[in-house]
Amino acid sequence: MELNTQILPAIDEALGLEEILGEVPPDECAHIVRRSGALGAGALITAAAESGMEVEALCGYRWVPKGHAPDDLPACIRCVEIWQALTSQ
């Protein structure tokens, strides 16, 4: 019986196992959306919830809001980082 071996590329050391395991799934965190025209982010979320429209977070996650602020959820780290980069310019 012949064994078939494969050499895998090295894992990027910058992305640690703790970071991968500690990341909150996108549907279990609060996201930040960009305002749309005259609508602020809160009004956009409310309108999307009422109409069943999908919105996109700064991190790229897309979902249909349920109409309430997710105060009990942790903030999406990627959204926060993007928002901080946008507001620090």
PDB file of N, CA and C in Angstrom:
ATOM      1  N   MET A   1       0.852  -1.173   0.000  1.00  0.00           N
ATOM      2  CA  MET A   1       0.000   0.000   0.000  1.00  0.00           C
ATOM      3  C   MET A   1       0.898   1.236   0.000  1.00  0.00           C
ATOM      4  N   GLU A   2       0.652   2.140  -0.913  1.00  0.00           N
ATOM      5  CA  GLU A   2       1.462   3.360  -1.040  1.00  0.00           C
ATOM      6  C   GLU A   2       0.760   4.523  -0.346  1.00  0.00           C
ATOM      7  N   LEU A   3       1.493   5.237   0.473  1.00  0.00           N
ATOM      8  CA  LEU A   3       0.934   6.406   1.152  1.00  0.00           C
ATOM      9  C   LEU A   3       1.124   7.631   0.268  1.00  0.00           C
ATOM     10  N   ASN A   4       0.108   8.423   0.197  1.00  0.00           N
ATOM     11  CA  ASN A   4       0.155   9.653  -0.582  1.00  0.00           C
ATOM     12  C   ASN A   4       0.297  10.809   0.398  1.00  0.00           C
ATOM     13  N   THR A   5       1.387  11.526   0.343  1.00  0.00           N
ATOM     14  CA  THR A   5       1.592  12.642   1.268  1.00  0.00           C
ATOM     15  C   THR A   5       1.489  13.960   0.526  1.00  0.00           C
ATOM     16  N   GLN A   6       1.088  14.970   1.257  1.00  0.00           N
ATOM     17  CA  GLN A   6       0.941  16.302   0.686  1.00  0.00           C
ATOM     18  C   GLN A   6       1.556  17.301   1.652  1.00  0.00           C
ATOM     19  N   ILE A   7       2.349  18.209   1.130  1.00  0.00           N
ATOM     20  CA  ILE A   7       2.941  19.252   1.961  1.00  0.00           C
ATOM     21  C   ILE A   7       2.055  20.480   1.866  1.00  0.00           C
ATOM     22  N   LEU A   8       1.577  20.925   3.003  1.00  0.00           N
ATOM     23  CA  LEU A   8       0.710  22.091   3.052  1.00  0.00           C
ATOM     24  C   LEU A   8       1.532  23.348   3.261  1.00  0.00           C
ATOM     25  N   PRO A   9       1.067  24.476   2.722  1.00  0.00           N
ATOM     26  CA  PRO A   9       1.801  25.728   2.944  1.00  0.00           C
ATOM     27  C   PRO A   9       1.761  26.127   4.413  1.00  0.00           C
ATOM     28  N   ALA A  10       2.741  26.887   4.817  1.00  0.00           N
ATOM     29  CA  ALA A  10       2.822  27.355   6.209  1.00  0.00           C
ATOM     30  C   ALA A  10       1.629  28.246   6.532  1.00  0.00           C
ATOM     31  N   ILE A  11       1.155  28.133   7.737  1.00  0.00           N
ATOM     32  CA  ILE A  11       0.044  28.967   8.193  1.00  0.00           C
ATOM     33  C   ILE A  11       0.588  30.347   8.524  1.00  0.00           C
ATOM     34  N   ASP A  12      -0.162  31.361   8.155  1.00  0.00           N
ATOM     35  CA  ASP A  12       0.241  32.736   8.444  1.00  0.00           C
ATOM     36  C   ASP A  12       0.314  32.921   9.958  1.00  0.00           C
ATOM     37  N   GLU A  13       1.482  33.224  10.455  1.00  0.00           N
ATOM     38  CA  GLU A  13       1.692  33.381  11.891  1.00  0.00           C
ATOM     39  C   GLU A  13       0.955  34.585  12.468  1.00  0.00           C
ATOM     40  N   ALA A  14       0.603  35.574  11.636  1.00  0.00           N
ATOM     41  CA  ALA A  14      -0.068  36.777  12.132  1.00  0.00           C
ATOM     42  C   ALA A  14      -1.472  36.471  12.640  1.00  0.00           C
ATOM     43  N   LEU A  15      -2.078  35.404  12.160  1.00  0.00           N
ATOM     44  CA  LEU A  15      -3.431  35.042  12.566  1.00  0.00           C
ATOM     45  C   LEU A  15      -3.331  33.885  13.548  1.00  0.00           C
ATOM     46  N   GLY A  16      -3.434  34.204  14.833  1.00  0.00           N
ATOM     47  CA  GLY A  16      -3.282  33.191  15.864  1.00  0.00           C
ATOM     48  C   GLY A  16      -4.539  32.372  16.056  1.00  0.00           C
ATOM     49  N   LEU A  17      -4.381  31.203  16.633  1.00  0.00           N
ATOM     50  CA  LEU A  17      -5.504  30.314  16.887  1.00  0.00           C
ATOM     51  C   LEU A  17      -6.514  30.965  17.826  1.00  0.00           C
ATOM     52  N   GLU A  18      -6.033  31.723  18.812  1.00  0.00           N
ATOM     53  CA  GLU A  18      -6.940  32.387  19.745  1.00  0.00           C
ATOM     54  C   GLU A  18      -7.853  33.361  19.012  1.00  0.00           C
ATOM     55  N   GLU A  19      -7.297  34.047  18.009  1.00  0.00           N
ATOM     56  CA  GLU A  19      -8.084  35.010  17.249  1.00  0.00           C
ATOM     57  C   GLU A  19      -9.186  34.305  16.457  1.00  0.00           C
ATOM     58  N   ILE A  20      -8.867  33.164  15.874  1.00  0.00           N
ATOM     59  CA  ILE A  20      -9.853  32.419  15.090  1.00  0.00           C
ATOM     60  C   ILE A  20     -10.945  31.868  16.008  1.00  0.00           C
ATOM     61  N   LEU A  21     -10.551  31.253  17.110  1.00  0.00           N
ATOM     62  CA  LEU A  21     -11.520  30.648  18.016  1.00  0.00           C
ATOM     63  C   LEU A  21     -12.314  31.690  18.796  1.00  0.00           C
ATOM     64  N   GLY A  22     -11.736  32.870  19.023  1.00  0.00           N
ATOM     65  CA  GLY A  22     -12.401  33.894  19.804  1.00  0.00           C
ATOM     66  C   GLY A  22     -13.324  34.795  19.000  1.00  0.00           C
ATOM     67  N   GLU A  23     -13.328  34.651  17.667  1.00  0.00           N
ATOM     68  CA  GLU A  23     -14.143  35.518  16.828  1.00  0.00           C
ATOM     69  C   GLU A  23     -15.620  35.157  16.964  1.00  0.00           C
ATOM     70  N   VAL A  24     -16.439  36.171  17.170  1.00  0.00           N
ATOM     71  CA  VAL A  24     -17.875  35.975  17.321  1.00  0.00           C
ATOM     72  C   VAL A  24     -18.496  35.816  15.930  1.00  0.00           C
ATOM     73  N   PRO A  25     -19.369  34.823  15.737  1.00  0.00           N
ATOM     74  CA  PRO A  25     -20.027  34.676  14.439  1.00  0.00           C
ATOM     75  C   PRO A  25     -20.800  35.949  14.073  1.00  0.00           C
ATOM     76  N   PRO A  26     -20.865  36.305  12.789  1.00  0.00           N
ATOM     77  CA  PRO A  26     -21.491  37.564  12.375  1.00  0.00           C
ATOM     78  C   PRO A  26     -22.939  37.729  12.819  1.00  0.00           C
ATOM     79  N   ASP A  27     -23.678  36.638  12.919  1.00  0.00           N
ATOM     80  CA  ASP A  27     -25.077  36.757  13.318  1.00  0.00           C
ATOM     81  C   ASP A  27     -25.244  36.875  14.835  1.00  0.00           C
ATOM     82  N   GLU A  28     -24.135  36.862  15.562  1.00  0.00           N
ATOM     83  CA  GLU A  28     -24.190  36.977  17.016  1.00  0.00           C
ATOM     84  C   GLU A  28     -23.502  38.232  17.535  1.00  0.00           C
ATOM     85  N   CYS A  29     -23.340  39.246  16.669  1.00  0.00           N
ATOM     86  CA  CYS A  29     -22.753  40.505  17.121  1.00  0.00           C
ATOM     87  C   CYS A  29     -23.482  41.681  16.473  1.00  0.00           C
ATOM     88  N   ALA A  30     -23.303  42.851  17.063  1.00  0.00           N
ATOM     89  CA  ALA A  30     -23.930  44.075  16.568  1.00  0.00           C
ATOM     90  C   ALA A  30     -23.027  44.709  15.522  1.00  0.00           C
ATOM     91  N   HIS A  31     -23.620  45.071  14.384  1.00  0.00           N
ATOM     92  CA  HIS A  31     -22.857  45.629  13.266  1.00  0.00           C
ATOM     93  C   HIS A  31     -23.143  47.113  13.091  1.00  0.00           C
ATOM     94  N   ILE A  32     -22.262  47.775  12.364  1.00  0.00           N
ATOM     95  CA  ILE A  32     -22.411  49.201  12.048  1.00  0.00           C
ATOM     96  C   ILE A  32     -22.710  49.311  10.565  1.00  0.00           C
ATOM     97  N   VAL A  33     -23.764  50.071  10.231  1.00  0.00           N
ATOM     98  CA  VAL A  33     -24.100  50.309   8.827  1.00  0.00           C
ATOM     99  C   VAL A  33     -23.814  51.763   8.490  1.00  0.00           C
ATOM    100  N   ARG A  34     -23.528  51.995   7.232  1.00  0.00           N
ATOM    101  CA  ARG A  34     -23.270  53.343   6.743  1.00  0.00           C
ATOM    102  C   ARG A  34     -24.603  54.018   6.438  1.00  0.00           C
ATOM    103  N   ARG A  35     -24.711  55.292   6.715  1.00  0.00           N
ATOM    104  CA  ARG A  35     -25.941  56.027   6.408  1.00  0.00           C
ATOM    105  C   ARG A  35     -26.177  56.008   4.905  1.00  0.00           C
ATOM    106  N   SER A  36     -27.415  56.161   4.510  1.00  0.00           N
ATOM    107  CA  SER A  36     -27.776  56.122   3.100  1.00  0.00           C
ATOM    108  C   SER A  36     -28.534  57.391   2.746  1.00  0.00           C
ATOM    109  N   GLY A  37     -27.880  58.299   2.035  1.00  0.00           N
ATOM    110  CA  GLY A  37     -28.527  59.557   1.650  1.00  0.00           C
ATOM    111  C   GLY A  37     -28.947  60.352   2.864  1.00  0.00           C
ATOM    112  N   ALA A  38     -30.232  60.706   2.916  1.00  0.00           N
ATOM    113  CA  ALA A  38     -30.752  61.504   4.024  1.00  0.00           C
ATOM    114  C   ALA A  38     -31.016  60.655   5.266  1.00  0.00           C
ATOM    115  N   LEU A  39     -31.052  59.337   5.106  1.00  0.00           N
ATOM    116  CA  LEU A  39     -31.328  58.456   6.244  1.00  0.00           C
ATOM    117  C   LEU A  39     -30.071  58.197   7.059  1.00  0.00           C
ATOM    118  N   GLY A  40     -30.166  58.406   8.344  1.00  0.00           N
ATOM    119  CA  GLY A  40     -29.080  58.018   9.234  1.00  0.00           C
ATOM    120  C   GLY A  40     -29.090  56.509   9.382  1.00  0.00           C
ATOM    121  N   ALA A  41     -28.086  55.970  10.024  1.00  0.00           N
ATOM    122  CA  ALA A  41     -27.974  54.520  10.171  1.00  0.00           C
ATOM    123  C   ALA A  41     -29.179  53.936  10.919  1.00  0.00           C
ATOM    124  N   GLY A  42     -29.615  54.600  11.987  1.00  0.00           N
ATOM    125  CA  GLY A  42     -30.758  54.101  12.763  1.00  0.00           C
ATOM    126  C   GLY A  42     -32.041  54.086  11.949  1.00  0.00           C
ATOM    127  N   ALA A  43     -32.285  55.170  11.192  1.00  0.00           N
ATOM    128  CA  ALA A  43     -33.482  55.240  10.351  1.00  0.00           C
ATOM    129  C   ALA A  43     -33.418  54.203   9.239  1.00  0.00           C
ATOM    130  N   LEU A  44     -32.228  53.976   8.703  1.00  0.00           N
ATOM    131  CA  LEU A  44     -32.052  52.975   7.655  1.00  0.00           C
ATOM    132  C   LEU A  44     -32.378  51.581   8.180  1.00  0.00           C
ATOM    133  N   ILE A  45     -31.914  51.272   9.370  1.00  0.00           N
ATOM    134  CA  ILE A  45     -32.179  49.956   9.978  1.00  0.00           C
ATOM    135  C   ILE A  45     -33.678  49.784  10.236  1.00  0.00           C
ATOM    136  N   THR A  46     -34.317  50.843  10.746  1.00  0.00           N
ATOM    137  CA  THR A  46     -35.757  50.780  11.012  1.00  0.00           C
ATOM    138  C   THR A  46     -36.535  50.562   9.722  1.00  0.00           C
ATOM    139  N   ALA A  47     -36.217  51.339   8.674  1.00  0.00           N
ATOM    140  CA  ALA A  47     -36.899  51.202   7.389  1.00  0.00           C
ATOM    141  C   ALA A  47     -36.664  49.811   6.798  1.00  0.00           C
ATOM    142  N   ALA A  48     -35.443  49.294   6.928  1.00  0.00           N
ATOM    143  CA  ALA A  48     -35.132  47.967   6.397  1.00  0.00           C
ATOM    144  C   ALA A  48     -35.909  46.887   7.144  1.00  0.00           C
ATOM    145  N   ALA A  49     -36.039  47.041   8.458  1.00  0.00           N
ATOM    146  CA  ALA A  49     -36.789  46.063   9.257  1.00  0.00           C
ATOM    147  C   ALA A  49     -38.263  46.071   8.867  1.00  0.00           C
ATOM    148  N   GLU A  50     -38.817  47.258   8.661  1.00  0.00           N
ATOM    149  CA  GLU A  50     -40.234  47.372   8.299  1.00  0.00           C
ATOM    150  C   GLU A  50     -40.526  46.811   6.916  1.00  0.00           C
ATOM    151  N   SER A  51     -39.591  46.972   5.991  1.00  0.00           N
ATOM    152  CA  SER A  51     -39.817  46.540   4.613  1.00  0.00           C
ATOM    153  C   SER A  51     -39.235  45.159   4.302  1.00  0.00           C
ATOM    154  N   GLY A  52     -38.451  44.610   5.227  1.00  0.00           N
ATOM    155  CA  GLY A  52     -37.812  43.319   4.981  1.00  0.00           C
ATOM    156  C   GLY A  52     -36.602  43.430   4.066  1.00  0.00           C
ATOM    157  N   MET A  53     -36.069  44.654   3.954  1.00  0.00           N
ATOM    158  CA  MET A  53     -34.924  44.902   3.083  1.00  0.00           C
ATOM    159  C   MET A  53     -33.625  44.487   3.781  1.00  0.00           C
ATOM    160  N   GLU A  54     -32.701  43.968   3.008  1.00  0.00           N
ATOM    161  CA  GLU A  54     -31.397  43.570   3.524  1.00  0.00           C
ATOM    162  C   GLU A  54     -30.482  44.792   3.602  1.00  0.00           C
ATOM    163  N   VAL A  55     -29.668  44.860   4.644  1.00  0.00           N
ATOM    164  CA  VAL A  55     -28.681  45.932   4.785  1.00  0.00           C
ATOM    165  C   VAL A  55     -27.289  45.307   4.826  1.00  0.00           C
ATOM    166  N   GLU A  56     -26.274  46.143   4.571  1.00  0.00           N
ATOM    167  CA  GLU A  56     -24.903  45.657   4.601  1.00  0.00           C
ATOM    168  C   GLU A  56     -24.107  46.427   5.647  1.00  0.00           C
ATOM    169  N   ALA A  57     -23.429  45.680   6.505  1.00  0.00           N
ATOM    170  CA  ALA A  57     -22.578  46.278   7.530  1.00  0.00           C
ATOM    171  C   ALA A  57     -21.267  46.729   6.906  1.00  0.00           C
ATOM    172  N   LEU A  58     -20.536  47.553   7.628  1.00  0.00           N
ATOM    173  CA  LEU A  58     -19.228  48.009   7.142  1.00  0.00           C
ATOM    174  C   LEU A  58     -18.295  46.835   6.859  1.00  0.00           C
ATOM    175  N   CYS A  59     -18.436  45.758   7.613  1.00  0.00           N
ATOM    176  CA  CYS A  59     -17.571  44.586   7.437  1.00  0.00           C
ATOM    177  C   CYS A  59     -17.982  43.727   6.246  1.00  0.00           C
ATOM    178  N   GLY A  60     -19.140  44.029   5.646  1.00  0.00           N
ATOM    179  CA  GLY A  60     -19.613  43.259   4.502  1.00  0.00           C
ATOM    180  C   GLY A  60     -20.710  42.259   4.834  1.00  0.00           C
ATOM    181  N   TYR A  61     -20.988  42.037   6.106  1.00  0.00           N
ATOM    182  CA  TYR A  61     -22.052  41.117   6.510  1.00  0.00           C
ATOM    183  C   TYR A  61     -23.400  41.695   6.102  1.00  0.00           C
ATOM    184  N   ARG A  62     -24.253  40.864   5.498  1.00  0.00           N
ATOM    185  CA  ARG A  62     -25.569  41.303   5.044  1.00  0.00           C
ATOM    186  C   ARG A  62     -26.649  40.547   5.812  1.00  0.00           C
ATOM    187  N   TRP A  63     -27.708  41.286   6.209  1.00  0.00           N
ATOM    188  CA  TRP A  63     -28.803  40.673   6.951  1.00  0.00           C
ATOM    189  C   TRP A  63     -30.039  41.553   6.874  1.00  0.00           C
ATOM    190  N   VAL A  64     -31.182  40.974   7.252  1.00  0.00           N
ATOM    191  CA  VAL A  64     -32.433  41.725   7.349  1.00  0.00           C
ATOM    192  C   VAL A  64     -32.624  42.030   8.832  1.00  0.00           C
ATOM    193  N   PRO A  65     -32.607  43.328   9.211  1.00  0.00           N
ATOM    194  CA  PRO A  65     -32.754  43.687  10.624  1.00  0.00           C
ATOM    195  C   PRO A  65     -34.115  43.273  11.182  1.00  0.00           C
ATOM    196  N   LYS A  66     -34.140  43.056  12.488  1.00  0.00           N
ATOM    197  CA  LYS A  66     -35.386  42.687  13.166  1.00  0.00           C
ATOM    198  C   LYS A  66     -36.082  43.896  13.767  1.00  0.00           C
ATOM    199  N   GLY A  67     -35.469  45.067  13.682  1.00  0.00           N
ATOM    200  CA  GLY A  67     -36.130  46.289  14.131  1.00  0.00           C
ATOM    201  C   GLY A  67     -35.774  46.760  15.519  1.00  0.00           C
ATOM    202  N   HIS A  68     -34.870  46.100  16.189  1.00  0.00           N
ATOM    203  CA  HIS A  68     -34.468  46.550  17.521  1.00  0.00           C
ATOM    204  C   HIS A  68     -32.949  46.589  17.599  1.00  0.00           C
ATOM    205  N   ALA A  69     -32.466  47.469  18.428  1.00  0.00           N
ATOM    206  CA  ALA A  69     -31.016  47.583  18.597  1.00  0.00           C
ATOM    207  C   ALA A  69     -30.515  46.388  19.405  1.00  0.00           C
ATOM    208  N   PRO A  70     -29.468  45.736  18.949  1.00  0.00           N
ATOM    209  CA  PRO A  70     -28.948  44.561  19.669  1.00  0.00           C
ATOM    210  C   PRO A  70     -28.031  44.969  20.822  1.00  0.00           C
ATOM    211  N   ASP A  71     -28.591  45.617  21.828  1.00  0.00           N
ATOM    212  CA  ASP A  71     -27.796  46.125  22.946  1.00  0.00           C
ATOM    213  C   ASP A  71     -27.095  45.020  23.730  1.00  0.00           C
ATOM    214  N   ASP A  72     -27.633  43.811  23.690  1.00  0.00           N
ATOM    215  CA  ASP A  72     -27.051  42.732  24.475  1.00  0.00           C
ATOM    216  C   ASP A  72     -25.968  41.965  23.722  1.00  0.00           C
ATOM    217  N   LEU A  73     -25.678  42.361  22.476  1.00  0.00           N
ATOM    218  CA  LEU A  73     -24.672  41.677  21.672  1.00  0.00           C
ATOM    219  C   LEU A  73     -23.350  42.441  21.663  1.00  0.00           C
ATOM    220  N   PRO A  74     -22.235  41.720  21.562  1.00  0.00           N
ATOM    221  CA  PRO A  74     -20.945  42.409  21.451  1.00  0.00           C
ATOM    222  C   PRO A  74     -20.826  43.079  20.084  1.00  0.00           C
ATOM    223  N   ALA A  75     -20.051  44.142  20.012  1.00  0.00           N
ATOM    224  CA  ALA A  75     -19.850  44.856  18.745  1.00  0.00           C
ATOM    225  C   ALA A  75     -18.973  44.033  17.814  1.00  0.00           C
ATOM    226  N   CYS A  76     -19.260  44.130  16.523  1.00  0.00           N
ATOM    227  CA  CYS A  76     -18.445  43.468  15.507  1.00  0.00           C
ATOM    228  C   CYS A  76     -17.092  44.187  15.450  1.00  0.00           C
ATOM    229  N   ILE A  77     -16.030  43.469  15.716  1.00  0.00           N
ATOM    230  CA  ILE A  77     -14.691  44.068  15.777  1.00  0.00           C
ATOM    231  C   ILE A  77     -14.311  44.666  14.422  1.00  0.00           C
ATOM    232  N   ARG A  78     -14.617  43.963  13.347  1.00  0.00           N
ATOM    233  CA  ARG A  78     -14.258  44.474  12.015  1.00  0.00           C
ATOM    234  C   ARG A  78     -15.006  45.767  11.703  1.00  0.00           C
ATOM    235  N   CYS A  79     -16.299  45.838  12.033  1.00  0.00           N
ATOM    236  CA  CYS A  79     -17.066  47.068  11.810  1.00  0.00           C
ATOM    237  C   CYS A  79     -16.461  48.230  12.588  1.00  0.00           C
ATOM    238  N   VAL A  80     -16.107  47.977  13.840  1.00  0.00           N
ATOM    239  CA  VAL A  80     -15.534  49.024  14.686  1.00  0.00           C
ATOM    240  C   VAL A  80     -14.208  49.508  14.105  1.00  0.00           C
ATOM    241  N   GLU A  81     -13.362  48.578  13.675  1.00  0.00           N
ATOM    242  CA  GLU A  81     -12.067  48.964  13.097  1.00  0.00           C
ATOM    243  C   GLU A  81     -12.262  49.808  11.831  1.00  0.00           C
ATOM    244  N   ILE A  82     -13.193  49.410  10.983  1.00  0.00           N
ATOM    245  CA  ILE A  82     -13.461  50.164   9.748  1.00  0.00           C
ATOM    246  C   ILE A  82     -14.022  51.533  10.082  1.00  0.00           C
ATOM    247  N   TRP A  83     -14.969  51.597  11.031  1.00  0.00           N
ATOM    248  CA  TRP A  83     -15.568  52.875  11.425  1.00  0.00           C
ATOM    249  C   TRP A  83     -14.503  53.818  11.992  1.00  0.00           C
ATOM    250  N   GLN A  84     -13.611  53.271  12.822  1.00  0.00           N
ATOM    251  CA  GLN A  84     -12.543  54.095  13.400  1.00  0.00           C
ATOM    252  C   GLN A  84     -11.621  54.615  12.307  1.00  0.00           C
ATOM    253  N   ALA A  85     -11.312  53.783  11.329  1.00  0.00           N
ATOM    254  CA  ALA A  85     -10.445  54.220  10.218  1.00  0.00           C
ATOM    255  C   ALA A  85     -11.136  55.307   9.387  1.00  0.00           C
ATOM    256  N   LEU A  86     -12.443  55.182   9.190  1.00  0.00           N
ATOM    257  CA  LEU A  86     -13.192  56.168   8.397  1.00  0.00           C
ATOM    258  C   LEU A  86     -13.318  57.504   9.136  1.00  0.00           C
ATOM    259  N   THR A  87     -13.502  57.454  10.438  1.00  0.00           N
ATOM    260  CA  THR A  87     -13.727  58.682  11.213  1.00  0.00           C
ATOM    261  C   THR A  87     -12.432  59.366  11.647  1.00  0.00           C
ATOM    262  N   SER A  88     -11.307  58.689  11.515  1.00  0.00           N
ATOM    263  CA  SER A  88     -10.046  59.298  11.932  1.00  0.00           C
ATOM    264  C   SER A  88      -9.359  60.064  10.798  1.00  0.00           C
ATOM    265  N   GLN A  89      -9.952  60.088   9.636  1.00  0.00           N
ATOM    266  CA  GLN A  89      -9.339  60.754   8.487  1.00  0.00           C
ATOM    267  C   GLN A  89      -9.587  62.230   8.510  1.00  0.00           C
TER     268      GLN A  89
END
